[in-house]
C-alpha atoms as a PDB file:
ATOM      1  CA  MET A   1     111.186  -1.855  37.815  1.00  0.00           C
ATOM      2  CA  ALA A   2     114.462   0.271  37.923  1.00  0.00           C
ATOM      3  CA  GLY A   3     117.495  -1.821  37.158  1.00  0.00           C
ATOM      4  CA  HIS A   4     115.318  -4.801  36.382  1.00  0.00           C
ATOM      5  CA  SER A   5     116.664  -7.162  33.607  1.00  0.00           C
ATOM      6  CA  LYS A   6     114.548 -10.084  32.152  1.00  0.00           C
ATOM      7  CA  TRP A   7     116.978 -10.612  29.298  1.00  0.00           C
ATOM      8  CA  SER A   8     119.662 -12.684  31.254  1.00  0.00           C
ATOM      9  CA  LYS A   9     116.738 -15.066  32.363  1.00  0.00           C
ATOM     10  CA  ILE A  10     115.618 -15.353  28.728  1.00  0.00           C
ATOM     11  CA  LYS A  11     119.177 -15.961  27.547  1.00  0.00           C
ATOM     12  CA  ASN A  12     119.922 -18.812  30.286  1.00  0.00           C
ATOM     13  CA  SER A  13     116.942 -20.735  29.272  1.00  0.00           C
ATOM     14  CA  LYS A  14     117.573 -20.479  25.418  1.00  0.00           C
ATOM     15  CA  GLY A  15     120.014 -23.510  25.560  1.00  0.00           C
ATOM     16  CA  ALA A  16     117.567 -25.481  27.343  1.00  0.00           C
ATOM     17  CA  ALA A  17     114.814 -24.647  24.803  1.00  0.00           C
ATOM     18  CA  ASP A  18     116.943 -25.640  21.806  1.00  0.00           C
ATOM     19  CA  GLN A  19     117.274 -29.086  23.328  1.00  0.00           C
ATOM     20  CA  ALA A  20     113.669 -29.736  22.939  1.00  0.00           C
ATOM     21  CA  ARG A  21     113.422 -28.278  19.478  1.00  0.00           C
ATOM     22  CA  GLY A  22     109.983 -30.173  18.760  1.00  0.00           C
ATOM     23  CA  LYS A  23     108.254 -28.664  21.703  1.00  0.00           C
ATOM     24  CA  VAL A  24     109.624 -25.390  20.894  1.00  0.00           C
ATOM     25  CA  PHE A  25     108.351 -25.467  17.281  1.00  0.00           C
ATOM     26  CA  GLN A  26     104.825 -26.397  18.517  1.00  0.00           C
ATOM     27  CA  LYS A  27     104.740 -23.434  20.984  1.00  0.00           C
ATOM     28  CA  PHE A  28     105.916 -21.251  17.893  1.00  0.00           C
ATOM     29  CA  SER A  29     103.219 -22.638  15.910  1.00  0.00           C
ATOM     30  CA  LYS A  30     100.495 -21.431  18.560  1.00  0.00           C
ATOM     31  CA  ASP A  31     102.017 -18.088  18.829  1.00  0.00           C
ATOM     32  CA  ILE A  32     101.873 -17.587  14.883  1.00  0.00           C
ATOM     33  CA  TYR A  33      98.459 -18.882  14.913  1.00  0.00           C
ATOM     34  CA  LEU A  34      97.285 -16.590  17.618  1.00  0.00           C
ATOM     35  CA  ALA A  35      98.909 -13.590  16.038  1.00  0.00           C
ATOM     36  CA  ALA A  36      97.310 -14.358  12.729  1.00  0.00           C
ATOM     37  CA  LYS A  37      94.096 -15.081  14.065  1.00  0.00           C
ATOM     38  CA  GLU A  38      94.114 -11.807  15.767  1.00  0.00           C
ATOM     39  CA  GLY A  39      95.509  -9.531  13.228  1.00  0.00           C
ATOM     40  CA  GLY A  40      95.341 -11.266   9.861  1.00  0.00           C
ATOM     41  CA  PRO A  41      97.731 -13.655   8.013  1.00  0.00           C
ATOM     42  CA  ASP A  42      99.765 -10.959   6.134  1.00  0.00           C
ATOM     43  CA  PRO A  43     103.021 -10.184   8.067  1.00  0.00           C
ATOM     44  CA  SER A  44     103.491  -6.996   6.257  1.00  0.00           C
ATOM     45  CA  SER A  45     100.362  -5.373   7.943  1.00  0.00           C
ATOM     46  CA  ASN A  46     100.433  -7.474  10.944  1.00  0.00           C
ATOM     47  CA  PRO A  47     103.697  -6.667  13.116  1.00  0.00           C
ATOM     48  CA  ALA A  48     102.723  -9.073  15.851  1.00  0.00           C
ATOM     49  CA  LEU A  49     102.894 -11.974  13.252  1.00  0.00           C
ATOM     50  CA  ARG A  50     106.022 -10.603  11.708  1.00  0.00           C
ATOM     51  CA  LEU A  51     107.696 -10.514  14.921  1.00  0.00           C
ATOM     52  CA  LYS A  52     106.644 -14.185  15.877  1.00  0.00           C
ATOM     53  CA  ILE A  53     107.729 -15.497  12.147  1.00  0.00           C
ATOM     54  CA  GLU A  54     111.108 -13.828  12.675  1.00  0.00           C
ATOM     55  CA  LYS A  55     111.600 -15.528  15.974  1.00  0.00           C
ATOM     56  CA  ALA A  56     110.517 -18.900  14.599  1.00  0.00           C
ATOM     57  CA  LYS A  57     112.909 -18.667  11.654  1.00  0.00           C
ATOM     58  CA  ALA A  58     115.819 -17.465  14.001  1.00  0.00           C
ATOM     59  CA  ALA A  59     115.178 -20.967  15.814  1.00  0.00           C
ATOM     60  CA  ASN A  60     115.284 -22.725  12.525  1.00  0.00           C
ATOM     61  CA  MET A  61     111.747 -23.504  12.548  1.00  0.00           C
ATOM     62  CA  PRO A  62     110.859 -24.817   8.903  1.00  0.00           C
ATOM     63  CA  ASN A  63     108.901 -22.642   6.457  1.00  0.00           C
ATOM     64  CA  ASP A  64     106.375 -25.321   6.043  1.00  0.00           C
ATOM     65  CA  ASN A  65     105.311 -25.454   9.692  1.00  0.00           C
ATOM     66  CA  ILE A  66     105.312 -21.244   9.820  1.00  0.00           C
ATOM     67  CA  ASN A  67     102.951 -21.499   6.799  1.00  0.00           C
ATOM     68  CA  ARG A  68     100.619 -24.290   8.117  1.00  0.00           C
ATOM     69  CA  ALA A  69      99.959 -22.128  11.191  1.00  0.00           C
ATOM     70  CA  ILE A  70      99.172 -19.116   9.162  1.00  0.00           C
ATOM     71  CA  GLN A  71      96.802 -21.122   7.030  1.00  0.00           C
ATOM     72  CA  LYS A  72      95.220 -22.811  10.013  1.00  0.00           C
ATOM     73  CA  ALA A  73      94.289 -19.436  11.438  1.00  0.00           C
ATOM     74  CA  SER A  74      92.950 -18.261   8.207  1.00  0.00           C
ATOM     75  CA  SER A  75      90.680 -21.276   7.495  1.00  0.00           C
ATOM     76  CA  ASN A  76      87.334 -19.688   8.297  1.00  0.00           C
ATOM     77  CA  GLY A  77      86.556 -21.605  11.474  1.00  0.00           C
ATOM     78  CA  GLU A  78      88.054 -24.800  10.278  1.00  0.00           C
ATOM     79  CA  GLY A  79      90.539 -26.795  12.380  1.00  0.00           C
ATOM     80  CA  GLU A  80      91.701 -26.016  15.877  1.00  0.00           C
ATOM     81  CA  ASN A  81      90.593 -22.987  18.086  1.00  0.00           C
ATOM     82  CA  TYR A  82      92.876 -22.036  20.767  1.00  0.00           C
ATOM     83  CA  GLU A  83      92.427 -19.662  23.773  1.00  0.00           C
ATOM     84  CA  GLU A  84      94.449 -18.274  26.267  1.00  0.00           C
ATOM     85  CA  ILE A  85      93.825 -19.247  29.926  1.00  0.00           C
ATOM     86  CA  TYR A  86      95.603 -18.449  33.102  1.00  0.00           C
ATOM     87  CA  TYR A  87      96.138 -20.756  35.975  1.00  0.00           C
ATOM     88  CA  GLU A  88      97.155 -19.467  39.401  1.00  0.00           C
ATOM     89  CA  GLY A  89      98.574 -21.259  42.305  1.00  0.00           C
ATOM     90  CA  TYR A  90     101.176 -21.646  45.180  1.00  0.00           C
ATOM     91  CA  GLY A  91     104.499 -23.448  45.054  1.00  0.00           C
ATOM     92  CA  PRO A  92     106.580 -24.667  48.156  1.00  0.00           C
ATOM     93  CA  ASN A  93     107.186 -21.774  50.466  1.00  0.00           C
ATOM     94  CA  GLY A  94     104.112 -19.923  49.393  1.00  0.00           C
ATOM     95  CA  VAL A  95     105.721 -18.815  46.084  1.00  0.00           C
ATOM     96  CA  ALA A  96     103.237 -17.338  43.745  1.00  0.00           C
ATOM     97  CA  VAL A  97     102.886 -18.856  40.313  1.00  0.00           C
ATOM     98  CA  LEU A  98     100.934 -17.529  37.350  1.00  0.00           C
ATOM     99  CA  VAL A  99     100.751 -20.045  34.235  1.00  0.00           C
ATOM    100  CA  GLU A 100      99.850 -18.775  30.850  1.00  0.00           C
ATOM    101  CA  ALA A 101      98.559 -21.617  28.621  1.00  0.00           C
ATOM    102  CA  LEU A 102      97.243 -21.447  24.968  1.00  0.00           C
ATOM    103  CA  THR A 103      94.996 -24.634  24.571  1.00  0.00           C
ATOM    104  CA  ASN A 104      92.413 -26.127  22.372  1.00  0.00           C
ATOM    105  CA  ASN A 105      91.523 -28.376  25.320  1.00  0.00           C
ATOM    106  CA  ARG A 106      90.604 -26.821  28.609  1.00  0.00           C
ATOM    107  CA  ASN A 107      90.334 -30.026  30.655  1.00  0.00           C
ATOM    108  CA  ARG A 108      93.655 -31.518  29.375  1.00  0.00           C
ATOM    109  CA  SER A 109      95.432 -28.317  30.247  1.00  0.00           C
ATOM    110  CA  ALA A 110      93.954 -27.919  33.858  1.00  0.00           C
ATOM    111  CA  THR A 111      94.545 -31.719  34.482  1.00  0.00           C
ATOM    112  CA  ASN A 112      98.367 -31.500  33.512  1.00  0.00           C
ATOM    113  CA  ILE A 113      98.846 -28.248  35.133  1.00  0.00           C
ATOM    114  CA  ARG A 114      97.247 -29.179  38.315  1.00  0.00           C
ATOM    115  CA  VAL A 115      99.563 -32.557  38.285  1.00  0.00           C
ATOM    116  CA  ALA A 116     102.769 -30.389  37.998  1.00  0.00           C
ATOM    117  CA  PHE A 117     101.662 -28.456  41.056  1.00  0.00           C
ATOM    118  CA  ASN A 118     100.521 -31.100  43.352  1.00  0.00           C
ATOM    119  CA  LYS A 119     103.384 -33.620  42.630  1.00  0.00           C
ATOM    120  CA  ASN A 120     106.001 -30.829  43.548  1.00  0.00           C
ATOM    121  CA  GLY A 121     104.835 -29.343  46.896  1.00  0.00           C
ATOM    122  CA  GLY A 122     102.362 -26.959  45.404  1.00  0.00           C
ATOM    123  CA  ALA A 123      98.812 -26.383  44.818  1.00  0.00           C
ATOM    124  CA  LEU A 124      96.514 -24.575  42.235  1.00  0.00           C
ATOM    125  CA  GLY A 125      94.350 -21.561  43.607  1.00  0.00           C
ATOM    126  CA  GLU A 126      91.298 -19.827  42.391  1.00  0.00           C
ATOM    127  CA  SER A 127      91.145 -17.119  39.727  1.00  0.00           C
ATOM    128  CA  GLY A 128      92.484 -14.015  41.139  1.00  0.00           C
ATOM    129  CA  SER A 129      94.496 -15.812  44.055  1.00  0.00           C
ATOM    130  CA  VAL A 130      97.734 -14.707  42.874  1.00  0.00           C
ATOM    131  CA  ALA A 131      97.403 -12.317  39.966  1.00  0.00           C
ATOM    132  CA  TYR A 132      97.221  -9.228  42.036  1.00  0.00           C
ATOM    133  CA  MET A 133     100.899 -10.071  42.985  1.00  0.00           C
ATOM    134  CA  PHE A 134     101.892  -9.395  39.344  1.00  0.00           C
ATOM    135  CA  ASP A 135     102.157  -6.186  37.480  1.00  0.00           C
ATOM    136  CA  SER A 136     101.515  -6.460  33.458  1.00  0.00           C
ATOM    137  CA  LYS A 137     104.077  -4.454  31.519  1.00  0.00           C
ATOM    138  CA  GLY A 138     104.891  -4.168  27.822  1.00  0.00           C
ATOM    139  CA  TYR A 139     108.394  -5.462  27.230  1.00  0.00           C
ATOM    140  CA  ILE A 140     110.568  -4.862  24.060  1.00  0.00           C
ATOM    141  CA  VAL A 141     114.213  -6.000  23.632  1.00  0.00           C
ATOM    142  CA  ILE A 142     116.618  -4.254  20.970  1.00  0.00           C
ATOM    143  CA  GLU A 143     120.087  -6.269  20.483  1.00  0.00           C
ATOM    144  CA  ARG A 144     123.015  -3.670  20.582  1.00  0.00           C
ATOM    145  CA  GLU A 145     125.071  -5.583  18.593  1.00  0.00           C
ATOM    146  CA  GLY A 146     125.755  -3.775  15.261  1.00  0.00           C
ATOM    147  CA  LEU A 147     123.733  -0.931  16.409  1.00  0.00           C
ATOM    148  CA  ASP A 148     125.582   2.466  16.607  1.00  0.00           C
ATOM    149  CA  VAL A 149     123.183   3.897  19.068  1.00  0.00           C
ATOM    150  CA  ASP A 150     124.234   5.152  22.691  1.00  0.00           C
ATOM    151  CA  GLU A 151     121.983   5.212  25.666  1.00  0.00           C
ATOM    152  CA  ASP A 152     120.918   8.719  25.565  1.00  0.00           C
ATOM    153  CA  THR A 153     119.854   8.479  21.987  1.00  0.00           C
ATOM    154  CA  MET A 154     117.738   5.098  22.649  1.00  0.00           C
ATOM    155  CA  LEU A 155     116.301   6.848  25.718  1.00  0.00           C
ATOM    156  CA  MET A 156     114.928   9.750  23.617  1.00  0.00           C
ATOM    157  CA  SER A 157     113.479   7.164  21.067  1.00  0.00           C
ATOM    158  CA  VAL A 158     112.057   5.263  23.794  1.00  0.00           C
ATOM    159  CA  LEU A 159     110.196   8.338  25.465  1.00  0.00           C
ATOM    160  CA  GLU A 160     109.088   9.886  22.095  1.00  0.00           C
ATOM    161  CA  ALA A 161     107.619   6.285  21.156  1.00  0.00           C
ATOM    162  CA  GLY A 162     105.784   6.338  24.448  1.00  0.00           C
ATOM    163  CA  GLY A 163     107.751   3.848  26.554  1.00  0.00           C
ATOM    164  CA  GLU A 164     108.084   4.335  30.272  1.00  0.00           C
ATOM    165  CA  GLU A 165     111.551   2.960  31.203  1.00  0.00           C
ATOM    166  CA  LEU A 166     114.835   1.815  29.674  1.00  0.00           C
ATOM    167  CA  VAL A 167     117.365  -0.575  31.187  1.00  0.00           C
ATOM    168  CA  THR A 168     120.676  -0.946  29.314  1.00  0.00           C
ATOM    169  CA  SER A 169     123.340  -3.641  29.373  1.00  0.00           C
ATOM    170  CA  ASP A 170     126.391  -4.569  27.299  1.00  0.00           C
ATOM    171  CA  GLU A 171     124.040  -6.919  24.980  1.00  0.00           C
ATOM    172  CA  VAL A 172     120.535  -5.203  24.788  1.00  0.00           C
ATOM    173  CA  PHE A 173     118.303  -2.340  25.338  1.00  0.00           C
ATOM    174  CA  GLU A 174     115.397  -3.504  27.524  1.00  0.00           C
ATOM    175  CA  ILE A 175     112.229  -1.332  27.070  1.00  0.00           C
ATOM    176  CA  TYR A 176     109.124  -1.297  29.557  1.00  0.00           C
ATOM    177  CA  THR A 177     105.909   0.208  28.503  1.00  0.00           C
ATOM    178  CA  ASN A 178     102.461   0.573  30.087  1.00  0.00           C
ATOM    179  CA  PRO A 179     100.563  -2.731  29.190  1.00  0.00           C
ATOM    180  CA  SER A 180      98.098  -1.005  26.757  1.00  0.00           C
ATOM    181  CA  ASP A 181     100.808   0.909  25.120  1.00  0.00           C
ATOM    182  CA  TRP A 182     103.136  -1.830  24.051  1.00  0.00           C
ATOM    183  CA  LYS A 183     102.065  -2.478  20.468  1.00  0.00           C
ATOM    184  CA  GLU A 184     102.103   1.314  19.587  1.00  0.00           C
ATOM    185  CA  VAL A 185     105.693   1.736  21.209  1.00  0.00           C
ATOM    186  CA  ARG A 186     106.627  -1.262  19.173  1.00  0.00           C
ATOM    187  CA  ASP A 187     105.297   0.063  15.887  1.00  0.00           C
ATOM    188  CA  ALA A 188     106.914   3.399  16.357  1.00  0.00           C
ATOM    189  CA  LEU A 189     110.428   1.934  17.095  1.00  0.00           C
ATOM    190  CA  GLU A 190     110.047  -0.318  14.184  1.00  0.00           C
ATOM    191  CA  ALA A 191     109.023   2.684  12.246  1.00  0.00           C
ATOM    192  CA  GLU A 192     112.247   4.578  13.410  1.00  0.00           C
ATOM    193  CA  GLY A 193     114.483   1.720  11.969  1.00  0.00           C
ATOM    194  CA  TYR A 194     114.991  -0.498  14.967  1.00  0.00           C
ATOM    195  CA  THR A 195     115.054  -4.332  14.744  1.00  0.00           C
ATOM    196  CA  LEU A 196     113.114  -5.878  17.642  1.00  0.00           C
ATOM    197  CA  GLU A 197     114.441  -8.877  19.203  1.00  0.00           C
ATOM    198  CA  GLN A 198     111.205  -9.442  21.287  1.00  0.00           C
ATOM    199  CA  ALA A 199     107.944  -7.619  22.001  1.00  0.00           C
ATOM    200  CA  GLU A 200     105.288  -8.824  24.197  1.00  0.00           C
ATOM    201  CA  SER A 201     103.106  -8.008  27.052  1.00  0.00           C
ATOM    202  CA  THR A 202     104.390  -9.904  30.181  1.00  0.00           C
ATOM    203  CA  MET A 203     104.183 -10.147  34.091  1.00  0.00           C
ATOM    204  CA  PHE A 204     106.635  -9.021  36.635  1.00  0.00           C
ATOM    205  CA  PRO A 205     106.309 -10.019  40.507  1.00  0.00           C
ATOM    206  CA  GLN A 206     105.876  -6.901  42.707  1.00  0.00           C
ATOM    207  CA  THR A 207     107.892  -8.563  45.484  1.00  0.00           C
ATOM    208  CA  MET A 208     110.277 -11.633  45.719  1.00  0.00           C
ATOM    209  CA  VAL A 209     110.018 -14.488  48.025  1.00  0.00           C
ATOM    210  CA  ASP A 210     112.796 -16.644  49.448  1.00  0.00           C
ATOM    211  CA  ILE A 211     112.676 -20.215  49.205  1.00  0.00           C
ATOM    212  CA  ASP A 212     114.764 -22.820  51.434  1.00  0.00           C
ATOM    213  CA  PRO A 213     117.134 -25.352  49.587  1.00  0.00           C
ATOM    214  CA  GLU A 214     115.065 -28.425  49.906  1.00  0.00           C
ATOM    215  CA  ASN A 215     111.894 -26.589  48.566  1.00  0.00           C
ATOM    216  CA  GLU A 216     113.801 -24.933  45.974  1.00  0.00           C
ATOM    217  CA  ALA A 217     114.464 -28.430  44.360  1.00  0.00           C
ATOM    218  CA  LYS A 218     110.919 -29.128  44.348  1.00  0.00           C
ATOM    219  CA  PHE A 219     109.982 -25.863  42.891  1.00  0.00           C
ATOM    220  CA  ARG A 220     112.769 -26.171  40.007  1.00  0.00           C
ATOM    221  CA  MET A 221     110.742 -29.585  39.310  1.00  0.00           C
ATOM    222  CA  MET A 222     107.646 -27.911  39.163  1.00  0.00           C
ATOM    223  CA  LEU A 223     108.860 -25.283  36.738  1.00  0.00           C
ATOM    224  CA  GLU A 224     110.409 -27.954  34.532  1.00  0.00           C
ATOM    225  CA  LYS A 225     107.302 -29.986  34.362  1.00  0.00           C
ATOM    226  CA  LEU A 226     105.160 -26.781  33.633  1.00  0.00           C
ATOM    227  CA  GLU A 227     107.460 -25.634  30.900  1.00  0.00           C
ATOM    228  CA  GLU A 228     107.606 -29.069  29.343  1.00  0.00           C
ATOM    229  CA  ASP A 229     103.726 -29.120  28.956  1.00  0.00           C
ATOM    230  CA  ASP A 230     102.987 -28.163  25.155  1.00  0.00           C
ATOM    231  CA  ASP A 231      99.953 -25.954  26.298  1.00  0.00           C
ATOM    232  CA  VAL A 232     102.059 -23.979  28.548  1.00  0.00           C
ATOM    233  CA  GLN A 233     103.367 -20.576  27.053  1.00  0.00           C
ATOM    234  CA  GLU A 234     104.991 -18.762  30.040  1.00  0.00           C
ATOM    235  CA  VAL A 235     105.364 -19.260  33.799  1.00  0.00           C
ATOM    236  CA  TYR A 236     105.629 -16.457  36.081  1.00  0.00           C
ATOM    237  CA  HIS A 237     106.646 -16.692  39.901  1.00  0.00           C
ATOM    238  CA  ASN A 238     108.106 -14.554  42.511  1.00  0.00           C
ATOM    239  CA  ALA A 239     110.727 -17.028  43.682  1.00  0.00           C
ATOM    240  CA  ASN A 240     114.265 -15.754  44.676  1.00  0.00           C
ATOM    241  CA  LEU A 241     116.422 -18.305  42.486  1.00  0.00           C
ATOM    242  CA  ASP A 242     120.079 -18.447  41.484  1.00  0.00           C
ATOM    243  CA  ASP A 243     119.943 -18.611  37.624  1.00  0.00           C
END
């Protein structure tokens, strides 16, 4: 993990996400719904929900959309019920692909994801076929703009909060944690007064795979089709791509 930075890839994808605002809002709604369902509808006592709401507002999501997602989650069983599902498979050149979906219709999600794989030189695999190639980590981002804290001070805060690693760039501090500890680290850093740009459990590939130019075009199309799907929340892979 040393020296690894996920933030550059997140930053590079924001422009494309802004162009598909409706889909972005739909995915934010699902995130808010799930956070409220798991931790309750009150953002003041549910840090995960509070962070999702802040991210949605930063993307100019209307308050009405946010409130509907929270109300749906607290409607005592009424309305839609979403579940998290992971799909595993391979892209061209044997690239490992792990797809995280949040769906209220397993059949729809499985069909759409299978089509995205099959039409772009890939194939879905069995459960466990590629998951072992990825490590689960807690991932927290703190923007440095306006923050008068040097790297040594931040490292001390991270270690005292229970974090495992700090990666520093000109723009952000990236914090990596044990996958079971990220919520506690998040809460400790917030209690210390830091404003978090991002806090989540995510996946990192153990090794990377090169992909030839012809297959890279197919693979990029696969990623595009997967990321366009309303049910898909994240797509993880181990391909070496030039961002």
